[in-house]
């Protein structure tokens, strides 16, 4: 009976797989997506309100102008006019930046100290915008939905409560290590790919993306084993992939209407 119920649950989610495919721009990867862009944008707006209430906005006019200039240049080539683009600098020591679904971009002052020029900032902003236009946030939500559906199938296929608990524990670990974390690293590589192209299209020399990530990868000690349990690829692997992508990005850079090169020093 349990096995039959499991089959029913499986059959009920199969139509979702067939009807919920999207394609990532520039990379062409097919992704399973159960959320709409409007739903993702709404989630992004809600998260943005939380960010604005949690962090202090930077008062440095020069820094704000720089981030807005770079951000607008990247947004102009992102082919997402429906996004409500906004770029804010937040005063915090955290070395971080992110772009929420719908185009809300945050840059923390803590990451600026690792940048030597405007083009390196473009590499980071391009990377974060890459996450947004690839709809990685919606894909992560969809992956969570799939994981929950799979857990329901596992639970329905086991009779004993003790065996059910063990099966769910094994299933959770296996899907995290075998699917969720690798997908997160795929998202990071993909955002690097898209970000490098976006900065090039905006007129920033994509070679500065490699320079930045080479520096930034030295901030913390990394290991091959650590990458397996992490959502982010280790620095040397990221740089290796960026070097492979450079010829493609340079084609966009050579066609850019405005050449910003390395840009102004920070």
C-alpha atoms as a PDB file:
ATOM      1  CA  UNK A   1       0.000   0.000   0.000  1.00  0.00           C
ATOM      2  CA  UNK A   2       2.830   2.361   0.890  1.00  0.00           C
ATOM      3  CA  UNK A   3       4.532   1.701  -2.424  1.00  0.00           C
ATOM      4  CA  UNK A   4       1.285   2.357  -4.299  1.00  0.00           C
ATOM      5  CA  UNK A   5       0.883   5.695  -2.487  1.00  0.00           C
ATOM      6  CA  UNK A   6       4.433   6.592  -3.395  1.00  0.00           C
ATOM      7  CA  UNK A   7       3.665   5.940  -7.059  1.00  0.00           C
ATOM      8  CA  UNK A   8       0.587   8.163  -6.828  1.00  0.00           C
ATOM      9  CA  UNK A   9       2.660  11.014  -5.398  1.00  0.00           C
ATOM     10  CA  UNK A  10       5.295  10.505  -8.104  1.00  0.00           C
ATOM     11  CA  UNK A  11       2.689  10.533 -10.876  1.00  0.00           C
ATOM     12  CA  UNK A  12       1.154  13.685  -9.433  1.00  0.00           C
ATOM     13  CA  UNK A  13       4.407  15.651  -9.725  1.00  0.00           C
ATOM     14  CA  UNK A  14       5.452  14.336 -13.153  1.00  0.00           C
ATOM     15  CA  UNK A  15       3.351  16.927 -15.062  1.00  0.00           C
ATOM     16  CA  UNK A  16       5.239  19.662 -13.224  1.00  0.00           C
ATOM     17  CA  UNK A  17       8.539  18.434 -14.673  1.00  0.00           C
ATOM     18  CA  UNK A  18       7.097  18.456 -18.168  1.00  0.00           C
ATOM     19  CA  UNK A  19       5.541  21.923 -17.936  1.00  0.00           C
ATOM     20  CA  UNK A  20       8.121  23.894 -15.970  1.00  0.00           C
ATOM     21  CA  UNK A  21      11.261  24.348 -18.049  1.00  0.00           C
ATOM     22  CA  UNK A  22      13.195  27.562 -18.666  1.00  0.00           C
ATOM     23  CA  UNK A  23      16.473  28.366 -20.431  1.00  0.00           C
ATOM     24  CA  UNK A  24      19.295  30.397 -18.901  1.00  0.00           C
ATOM     25  CA  UNK A  25      20.497  33.281 -21.104  1.00  0.00           C
ATOM     26  CA  UNK A  26      24.035  33.018 -22.543  1.00  0.00           C
ATOM     27  CA  UNK A  27      24.695  29.532 -21.129  1.00  0.00           C
ATOM     28  CA  UNK A  28      21.647  27.810 -22.626  1.00  0.00           C
ATOM     29  CA  UNK A  29      21.229  25.520 -19.615  1.00  0.00           C
ATOM     30  CA  UNK A  30      17.720  24.117 -19.143  1.00  0.00           C
ATOM     31  CA  UNK A  31      16.333  24.610 -15.654  1.00  0.00           C
ATOM     32  CA  UNK A  32      13.236  23.268 -13.905  1.00  0.00           C
ATOM     33  CA  UNK A  33      11.199  26.250 -12.738  1.00  0.00           C
ATOM     34  CA  UNK A  34       7.938  26.210 -10.798  1.00  0.00           C
ATOM     35  CA  UNK A  35       7.838  29.943 -10.045  1.00  0.00           C
ATOM     36  CA  UNK A  36       7.013  32.848 -12.352  1.00  0.00           C
ATOM     37  CA  UNK A  37       9.230  35.925 -12.729  1.00  0.00           C
ATOM     38  CA  UNK A  38       6.496  38.075 -11.198  1.00  0.00           C
ATOM     39  CA  UNK A  39       6.405  35.824  -8.131  1.00  0.00           C
ATOM     40  CA  UNK A  40      10.182  35.961  -7.870  1.00  0.00           C
ATOM     41  CA  UNK A  41      10.148  39.762  -8.176  1.00  0.00           C
ATOM     42  CA  UNK A  42       7.596  39.971  -5.368  1.00  0.00           C
ATOM     43  CA  UNK A  43       9.803  37.809  -3.161  1.00  0.00           C
ATOM     44  CA  UNK A  44      12.734  40.053  -4.049  1.00  0.00           C
ATOM     45  CA  UNK A  45      10.808  43.190  -3.074  1.00  0.00           C
ATOM     46  CA  UNK A  46       9.904  41.698   0.303  1.00  0.00           C
ATOM     47  CA  UNK A  47      13.515  40.686   0.919  1.00  0.00           C
ATOM     48  CA  UNK A  48      14.686  44.174  -0.132  1.00  0.00           C
ATOM     49  CA  UNK A  49      12.494  45.779   2.533  1.00  0.00           C
ATOM     50  CA  UNK A  50      14.198  43.553   5.108  1.00  0.00           C
ATOM     51  CA  UNK A  51      17.650  44.523   3.804  1.00  0.00           C
ATOM     52  CA  UNK A  52      16.811  48.230   3.997  1.00  0.00           C
ATOM     53  CA  UNK A  53      15.651  47.844   7.590  1.00  0.00           C
ATOM     54  CA  UNK A  54      18.659  45.743   8.631  1.00  0.00           C
ATOM     55  CA  UNK A  55      21.653  47.581   7.145  1.00  0.00           C
ATOM     56  CA  UNK A  56      22.835  51.180   7.281  1.00  0.00           C
ATOM     57  CA  UNK A  57      23.033  52.931   3.910  1.00  0.00           C
ATOM     58  CA  UNK A  58      26.468  54.332   3.047  1.00  0.00           C
ATOM     59  CA  UNK A  59      26.632  58.152   3.166  1.00  0.00           C
ATOM     60  CA  UNK A  60      29.745  58.499   1.001  1.00  0.00           C
ATOM     61  CA  UNK A  61      28.569  60.328  -2.138  1.00  0.00           C
ATOM     62  CA  UNK A  62      31.554  59.280  -4.226  1.00  0.00           C
ATOM     63  CA  UNK A  63      31.069  55.602  -3.393  1.00  0.00           C
ATOM     64  CA  UNK A  64      27.335  55.757  -4.057  1.00  0.00           C
ATOM     65  CA  UNK A  65      27.895  57.507  -7.385  1.00  0.00           C
ATOM     66  CA  UNK A  66      30.480  54.898  -8.403  1.00  0.00           C
ATOM     67  CA  UNK A  67      28.247  51.917  -7.617  1.00  0.00           C
ATOM     68  CA  UNK A  68      25.277  53.544  -9.356  1.00  0.00           C
ATOM     69  CA  UNK A  69      27.360  54.347 -12.434  1.00  0.00           C
ATOM     70  CA  UNK A  70      28.654  50.793 -12.727  1.00  0.00           C
ATOM     71  CA  UNK A  71      25.278  49.298 -11.859  1.00  0.00           C
ATOM     72  CA  UNK A  72      23.411  51.332 -14.468  1.00  0.00           C
ATOM     73  CA  UNK A  73      25.964  50.376 -17.109  1.00  0.00           C
ATOM     74  CA  UNK A  74      25.482  46.678 -16.331  1.00  0.00           C
ATOM     75  CA  UNK A  75      21.684  47.003 -16.143  1.00  0.00           C
ATOM     76  CA  UNK A  76      21.627  48.727 -19.539  1.00  0.00           C
ATOM     77  CA  UNK A  77      22.962  45.570 -21.226  1.00  0.00           C
ATOM     78  CA  UNK A  78      21.122  43.003 -19.076  1.00  0.00           C
ATOM     79  CA  UNK A  79      18.054  43.012 -21.368  1.00  0.00           C
ATOM     80  CA  UNK A  80      15.648  43.217 -18.436  1.00  0.00           C
ATOM     81  CA  UNK A  81      13.808  46.550 -18.841  1.00  0.00           C
ATOM     82  CA  UNK A  82      10.933  45.199 -16.751  1.00  0.00           C
ATOM     83  CA  UNK A  83      13.184  44.980 -13.676  1.00  0.00           C
ATOM     84  CA  UNK A  84      13.018  47.849 -11.199  1.00  0.00           C
ATOM     85  CA  UNK A  85      16.778  48.347 -11.004  1.00  0.00           C
ATOM     86  CA  UNK A  86      18.115  49.890  -7.805  1.00  0.00           C
ATOM     87  CA  UNK A  87      21.693  49.983  -6.515  1.00  0.00           C
ATOM     88  CA  UNK A  88      22.480  50.630  -2.859  1.00  0.00           C
ATOM     89  CA  UNK A  89      25.728  50.653  -0.886  1.00  0.00           C
ATOM     90  CA  UNK A  90      25.497  49.460   2.711  1.00  0.00           C
ATOM     91  CA  UNK A  91      27.962  50.327   5.453  1.00  0.00           C
ATOM     92  CA  UNK A  92      29.189  47.010   6.820  1.00  0.00           C
ATOM     93  CA  UNK A  93      32.477  45.134   7.084  1.00  0.00           C
ATOM     94  CA  UNK A  94      31.010  42.088   5.375  1.00  0.00           C
ATOM     95  CA  UNK A  95      32.721  41.372   2.064  1.00  0.00           C
ATOM     96  CA  UNK A  96      29.549  40.704   0.152  1.00  0.00           C
ATOM     97  CA  UNK A  97      27.190  41.839  -2.600  1.00  0.00           C
ATOM     98  CA  UNK A  98      23.961  40.419  -3.991  1.00  0.00           C
ATOM     99  CA  UNK A  99      21.149  41.048  -6.453  1.00  0.00           C
ATOM    100  CA  UNK A 100      17.603  40.079  -5.528  1.00  0.00           C
ATOM    101  CA  UNK A 101      15.053  38.894  -8.098  1.00  0.00           C
ATOM    102  CA  UNK A 102      13.642  41.934  -9.850  1.00  0.00           C
ATOM    103  CA  UNK A 103      16.860  43.961  -9.883  1.00  0.00           C
ATOM    104  CA  UNK A 104      17.563  45.179  -6.341  1.00  0.00           C
ATOM    105  CA  UNK A 105      21.357  45.222  -5.936  1.00  0.00           C
ATOM    106  CA  UNK A 106      23.261  45.604  -2.663  1.00  0.00           C
ATOM    107  CA  UNK A 107      27.007  46.211  -2.378  1.00  0.00           C
ATOM    108  CA  UNK A 108      28.597  46.083   1.074  1.00  0.00           C
ATOM    109  CA  UNK A 109      31.463  48.469   1.751  1.00  0.00           C
ATOM    110  CA  UNK A 110      33.474  45.533   3.120  1.00  0.00           C
ATOM    111  CA  UNK A 111      34.012  44.126  -0.360  1.00  0.00           C
ATOM    112  CA  UNK A 112      35.190  47.411  -1.886  1.00  0.00           C
ATOM    113  CA  UNK A 113      38.564  47.203  -0.161  1.00  0.00           C
ATOM    114  CA  UNK A 114      39.421  44.201  -2.334  1.00  0.00           C
ATOM    115  CA  UNK A 115      38.899  46.200  -5.536  1.00  0.00           C
ATOM    116  CA  UNK A 116      41.502  48.356  -7.235  1.00  0.00           C
ATOM    117  CA  UNK A 117      39.422  49.818 -10.036  1.00  0.00           C
ATOM    118  CA  UNK A 118      35.961  50.352 -11.460  1.00  0.00           C
ATOM    119  CA  UNK A 119      36.192  47.303 -13.741  1.00  0.00           C
ATOM    120  CA  UNK A 120      36.649  45.003 -10.762  1.00  0.00           C
ATOM    121  CA  UNK A 121      33.475  46.439  -9.234  1.00  0.00           C
ATOM    122  CA  UNK A 122      31.790  45.758 -12.595  1.00  0.00           C
ATOM    123  CA  UNK A 123      32.889  42.120 -12.325  1.00  0.00           C
ATOM    124  CA  UNK A 124      31.151  41.769  -8.956  1.00  0.00           C
ATOM    125  CA  UNK A 125      28.012  43.667  -9.956  1.00  0.00           C
ATOM    126  CA  UNK A 126      27.866  41.715 -13.215  1.00  0.00           C
ATOM    127  CA  UNK A 127      28.155  38.443 -11.297  1.00  0.00           C
ATOM    128  CA  UNK A 128      25.283  39.358  -8.972  1.00  0.00           C
ATOM    129  CA  UNK A 129      23.080  40.625 -11.812  1.00  0.00           C
ATOM    130  CA  UNK A 130      23.900  37.352 -13.562  1.00  0.00           C
ATOM    131  CA  UNK A 131      22.240  35.474 -10.697  1.00  0.00           C
ATOM    132  CA  UNK A 132      19.103  37.560 -11.141  1.00  0.00           C
ATOM    133  CA  UNK A 133      18.682  37.300 -14.903  1.00  0.00           C
ATOM    134  CA  UNK A 134      19.416  33.552 -14.724  1.00  0.00           C
ATOM    135  CA  UNK A 135      16.575  33.346 -12.160  1.00  0.00           C
ATOM    136  CA  UNK A 136      18.693  31.369  -9.715  1.00  0.00           C
ATOM    137  CA  UNK A 137      16.487  32.449  -6.803  1.00  0.00           C
ATOM    138  CA  UNK A 138      13.401  30.951  -8.418  1.00  0.00           C
ATOM    139  CA  UNK A 139      15.347  27.837  -9.338  1.00  0.00           C
ATOM    140  CA  UNK A 140      16.431  27.341  -5.723  1.00  0.00           C
ATOM    141  CA  UNK A 141      12.814  27.660  -4.599  1.00  0.00           C
ATOM    142  CA  UNK A 142      11.838  25.116  -7.251  1.00  0.00           C
ATOM    143  CA  UNK A 143      14.587  22.748  -6.103  1.00  0.00           C
ATOM    144  CA  UNK A 144      13.213  22.998  -2.574  1.00  0.00           C
ATOM    145  CA  UNK A 145       9.778  22.068  -3.875  1.00  0.00           C
ATOM    146  CA  UNK A 146      11.235  19.056  -5.673  1.00  0.00           C
ATOM    147  CA  UNK A 147      13.093  17.995  -2.558  1.00  0.00           C
ATOM    148  CA  UNK A 148       9.881  18.179  -0.535  1.00  0.00           C
ATOM    149  CA  UNK A 149       8.007  16.162  -3.161  1.00  0.00           C
ATOM    150  CA  UNK A 150      10.753  13.545  -3.077  1.00  0.00           C
ATOM    151  CA  UNK A 151      10.590  13.404   0.721  1.00  0.00           C
ATOM    152  CA  UNK A 152       6.848  12.734   0.468  1.00  0.00           C
ATOM    153  CA  UNK A 153       7.524   9.842  -1.909  1.00  0.00           C
ATOM    154  CA  UNK A 154      10.177   8.406   0.413  1.00  0.00           C
ATOM    155  CA  UNK A 155       7.889   8.708   3.451  1.00  0.00           C
ATOM    156  CA  UNK A 156       5.001   7.086   1.577  1.00  0.00           C
ATOM    157  CA  UNK A 157       7.187   4.134   0.532  1.00  0.00           C
ATOM    158  CA  UNK A 158       8.237   3.012   4.026  1.00  0.00           C
ATOM    159  CA  UNK A 159       5.952   1.346   6.578  1.00  0.00           C
ATOM    160  CA  UNK A 160       7.897   1.558   9.835  1.00  0.00           C
ATOM    161  CA  UNK A 161       8.143   5.017  11.520  1.00  0.00           C
ATOM    162  CA  UNK A 162      11.744   4.235  12.520  1.00  0.00           C
ATOM    163  CA  UNK A 163      12.688   3.173   9.005  1.00  0.00           C
ATOM    164  CA  UNK A 164      10.855   6.215   7.640  1.00  0.00           C
ATOM    165  CA  UNK A 165      12.889   8.558   9.823  1.00  0.00           C
ATOM    166  CA  UNK A 166      16.138   6.881   8.751  1.00  0.00           C
ATOM    167  CA  UNK A 167      15.134   6.928   5.083  1.00  0.00           C
ATOM    168  CA  UNK A 168      14.307  10.638   5.239  1.00  0.00           C
ATOM    169  CA  UNK A 169      17.625  11.374   6.956  1.00  0.00           C
ATOM    170  CA  UNK A 170      19.550   9.519   4.246  1.00  0.00           C
ATOM    171  CA  UNK A 171      17.441  11.134   1.530  1.00  0.00           C
ATOM    172  CA  UNK A 172      18.043  14.634   2.925  1.00  0.00           C
ATOM    173  CA  UNK A 173      21.801  14.136   3.082  1.00  0.00           C
ATOM    174  CA  UNK A 174      21.987  12.539  -0.340  1.00  0.00           C
ATOM    175  CA  UNK A 175      19.956  15.251  -2.068  1.00  0.00           C
ATOM    176  CA  UNK A 176      21.876  18.050  -0.382  1.00  0.00           C
ATOM    177  CA  UNK A 177      25.285  16.660  -1.327  1.00  0.00           C
ATOM    178  CA  UNK A 178      24.238  15.136  -4.630  1.00  0.00           C
ATOM    179  CA  UNK A 179      21.921  17.827  -5.996  1.00  0.00           C
ATOM    180  CA  UNK A 180      21.381  21.019  -3.989  1.00  0.00           C
ATOM    181  CA  UNK A 181      25.018  21.929  -3.282  1.00  0.00           C
ATOM    182  CA  UNK A 182      26.289  21.038  -6.773  1.00  0.00           C
ATOM    183  CA  UNK A 183      23.470  23.112  -8.258  1.00  0.00           C
ATOM    184  CA  UNK A 184      24.492  26.023  -6.047  1.00  0.00           C
ATOM    185  CA  UNK A 185      28.026  25.767  -7.388  1.00  0.00           C
ATOM    186  CA  UNK A 186      26.590  25.564 -10.907  1.00  0.00           C
ATOM    187  CA  UNK A 187      24.780  28.826 -10.173  1.00  0.00           C
ATOM    188  CA  UNK A 188      28.022  30.468  -9.103  1.00  0.00           C
ATOM    189  CA  UNK A 189      29.908  29.374 -12.210  1.00  0.00           C
ATOM    190  CA  UNK A 190      26.948  30.458 -14.318  1.00  0.00           C
ATOM    191  CA  UNK A 191      26.811  33.878 -12.660  1.00  0.00           C
ATOM    192  CA  UNK A 192      30.554  34.232 -13.334  1.00  0.00           C
ATOM    193  CA  UNK A 193      29.917  33.384 -16.990  1.00  0.00           C
ATOM    194  CA  UNK A 194      27.003  35.782 -17.410  1.00  0.00           C
ATOM    195  CA  UNK A 195      28.652  38.486 -15.307  1.00  0.00           C
ATOM    196  CA  UNK A 196      31.801  38.418 -17.404  1.00  0.00           C
ATOM    197  CA  UNK A 197      29.739  38.872 -20.575  1.00  0.00           C
ATOM    198  CA  UNK A 198      27.640  41.661 -19.056  1.00  0.00           C
ATOM    199  CA  UNK A 199      30.673  43.652 -17.921  1.00  0.00           C
ATOM    200  CA  UNK A 200      32.201  43.197 -21.371  1.00  0.00           C
ATOM    201  CA  UNK A 201      29.019  44.351 -23.108  1.00  0.00           C
ATOM    202  CA  UNK A 202      28.991  47.381 -20.790  1.00  0.00           C
ATOM    203  CA  UNK A 203      32.500  48.254 -21.946  1.00  0.00           C
ATOM    204  CA  UNK A 204      34.548  46.966 -19.010  1.00  0.00           C
ATOM    205  CA  UNK A 205      37.592  44.850 -19.796  1.00  0.00           C
ATOM    206  CA  UNK A 206      36.615  41.284 -18.717  1.00  0.00           C
ATOM    207  CA  UNK A 207      40.215  40.472 -17.835  1.00  0.00           C
ATOM    208  CA  UNK A 208      39.623  42.421 -14.647  1.00  0.00           C
ATOM    209  CA  UNK A 209      37.139  39.761 -13.517  1.00  0.00           C
ATOM    210  CA  UNK A 210      40.000  37.281 -13.390  1.00  0.00           C
ATOM    211  CA  UNK A 211      42.193  39.763 -11.521  1.00  0.00           C
ATOM    212  CA  UNK A 212      39.509  40.378  -8.915  1.00  0.00           C
ATOM    213  CA  UNK A 213      38.639  36.735  -8.257  1.00  0.00           C
ATOM    214  CA  UNK A 214      42.318  35.835  -8.054  1.00  0.00           C
ATOM    215  CA  UNK A 215      42.721  38.385  -5.261  1.00  0.00           C
ATOM    216  CA  UNK A 216      39.461  37.622  -3.532  1.00  0.00           C
ATOM    217  CA  UNK A 217      40.087  33.864  -3.494  1.00  0.00           C
ATOM    218  CA  UNK A 218      43.080  34.497  -1.224  1.00  0.00           C
ATOM    219  CA  UNK A 219      40.958  36.086   1.490  1.00  0.00           C
ATOM    220  CA  UNK A 220      40.256  32.760   3.187  1.00  0.00           C
ATOM    221  CA  UNK A 221      41.932  29.365   3.181  1.00  0.00           C
ATOM    222  CA  UNK A 222      40.232  26.929   0.851  1.00  0.00           C
ATOM    223  CA  UNK A 223      40.444  23.209   0.215  1.00  0.00           C
ATOM    224  CA  UNK A 224      39.264  20.730  -2.388  1.00  0.00           C
ATOM    225  CA  UNK A 225      37.243  18.888   0.275  1.00  0.00           C
ATOM    226  CA  UNK A 226      35.672  22.116   1.488  1.00  0.00           C
ATOM    227  CA  UNK A 227      34.288  22.808  -1.982  1.00  0.00           C
ATOM    228  CA  UNK A 228      32.294  19.564  -1.866  1.00  0.00           C
ATOM    229  CA  UNK A 229      30.383  20.811   1.171  1.00  0.00           C
ATOM    230  CA  UNK A 230      30.123  24.414   0.014  1.00  0.00           C
ATOM    231  CA  UNK A 231      27.670  26.306  -2.151  1.00  0.00           C
ATOM    232  CA  UNK A 232      30.552  28.189  -3.795  1.00  0.00           C
ATOM    233  CA  UNK A 233      33.427  26.871  -5.914  1.00  0.00           C
ATOM    234  CA  UNK A 234      36.909  27.376  -4.537  1.00  0.00           C
ATOM    235  CA  UNK A 235      38.864  30.287  -5.937  1.00  0.00           C
ATOM    236  CA  UNK A 236      41.330  28.470  -8.190  1.00  0.00           C
ATOM    237  CA  UNK A 237      38.545  26.545  -9.925  1.00  0.00           C
ATOM    238  CA  UNK A 238      36.568  29.732 -10.421  1.00  0.00           C
ATOM    239  CA  UNK A 239      39.586  31.472 -11.951  1.00  0.00           C
ATOM    240  CA  UNK A 240      40.306  28.480 -14.205  1.00  0.00           C
ATOM    241  CA  UNK A 241      36.767  28.632 -15.580  1.00  0.00           C
ATOM    242  CA  UNK A 242      36.918  32.394 -16.072  1.00  0.00           C
ATOM    243  CA  UNK A 243      40.106  32.024 -18.099  1.00  0.00           C
ATOM    244  CA  UNK A 244      38.321  29.533 -20.355  1.00  0.00           C
ATOM    245  CA  UNK A 245      35.448  31.997 -20.817  1.00  0.00           C
ATOM    246  CA  UNK A 246      37.678  34.992 -21.535  1.00  0.00           C
ATOM    247  CA  UNK A 247      37.829  34.570 -25.353  1.00  0.00           C
ATOM    248  CA  UNK A 248      34.015  34.608 -25.515  1.00  0.00           C
ATOM    249  CA  UNK A 249      33.790  37.662 -23.252  1.00  0.00           C
ATOM    250  CA  UNK A 250      36.454  39.508 -25.242  1.00  0.00           C
ATOM    251  CA  UNK A 251      34.283  39.232 -28.366  1.00  0.00           C
ATOM    252  CA  UNK A 252      31.564  41.183 -26.548  1.00  0.00           C
ATOM    253  CA  UNK A 253      34.120  43.663 -25.223  1.00  0.00           C
ATOM    254  CA  UNK A 254      35.525  44.304 -28.673  1.00  0.00           C
ATOM    255  CA  UNK A 255      32.001  45.048 -29.929  1.00  0.00           C
ATOM    256  CA  UNK A 256      31.085  47.322 -27.000  1.00  0.00           C
ATOM    257  CA  UNK A 257      29.988  50.800 -28.065  1.00  0.00           C
ATOM    258  CA  UNK A 258      31.742  52.437 -25.107  1.00  0.00           C
ATOM    259  CA  UNK A 259      35.160  51.224 -23.920  1.00  0.00           C
ATOM    260  CA  UNK A 260      35.621  51.854 -20.201  1.00  0.00           C
ATOM    261  CA  UNK A 261      38.700  49.636 -19.945  1.00  0.00           C
ATOM    262  CA  UNK A 262      39.851  49.204 -16.369  1.00  0.00           C
ATOM    263  CA  UNK A 263      37.925  52.242 -15.290  1.00  0.00           C
ATOM    264  CA  UNK A 264      38.683  54.735 -12.561  1.00  0.00           C
ATOM    265  CA  UNK A 265      40.689  53.750  -9.511  1.00  0.00           C
ATOM    266  CA  UNK A 266      38.632  53.179  -6.374  1.00  0.00           C
END
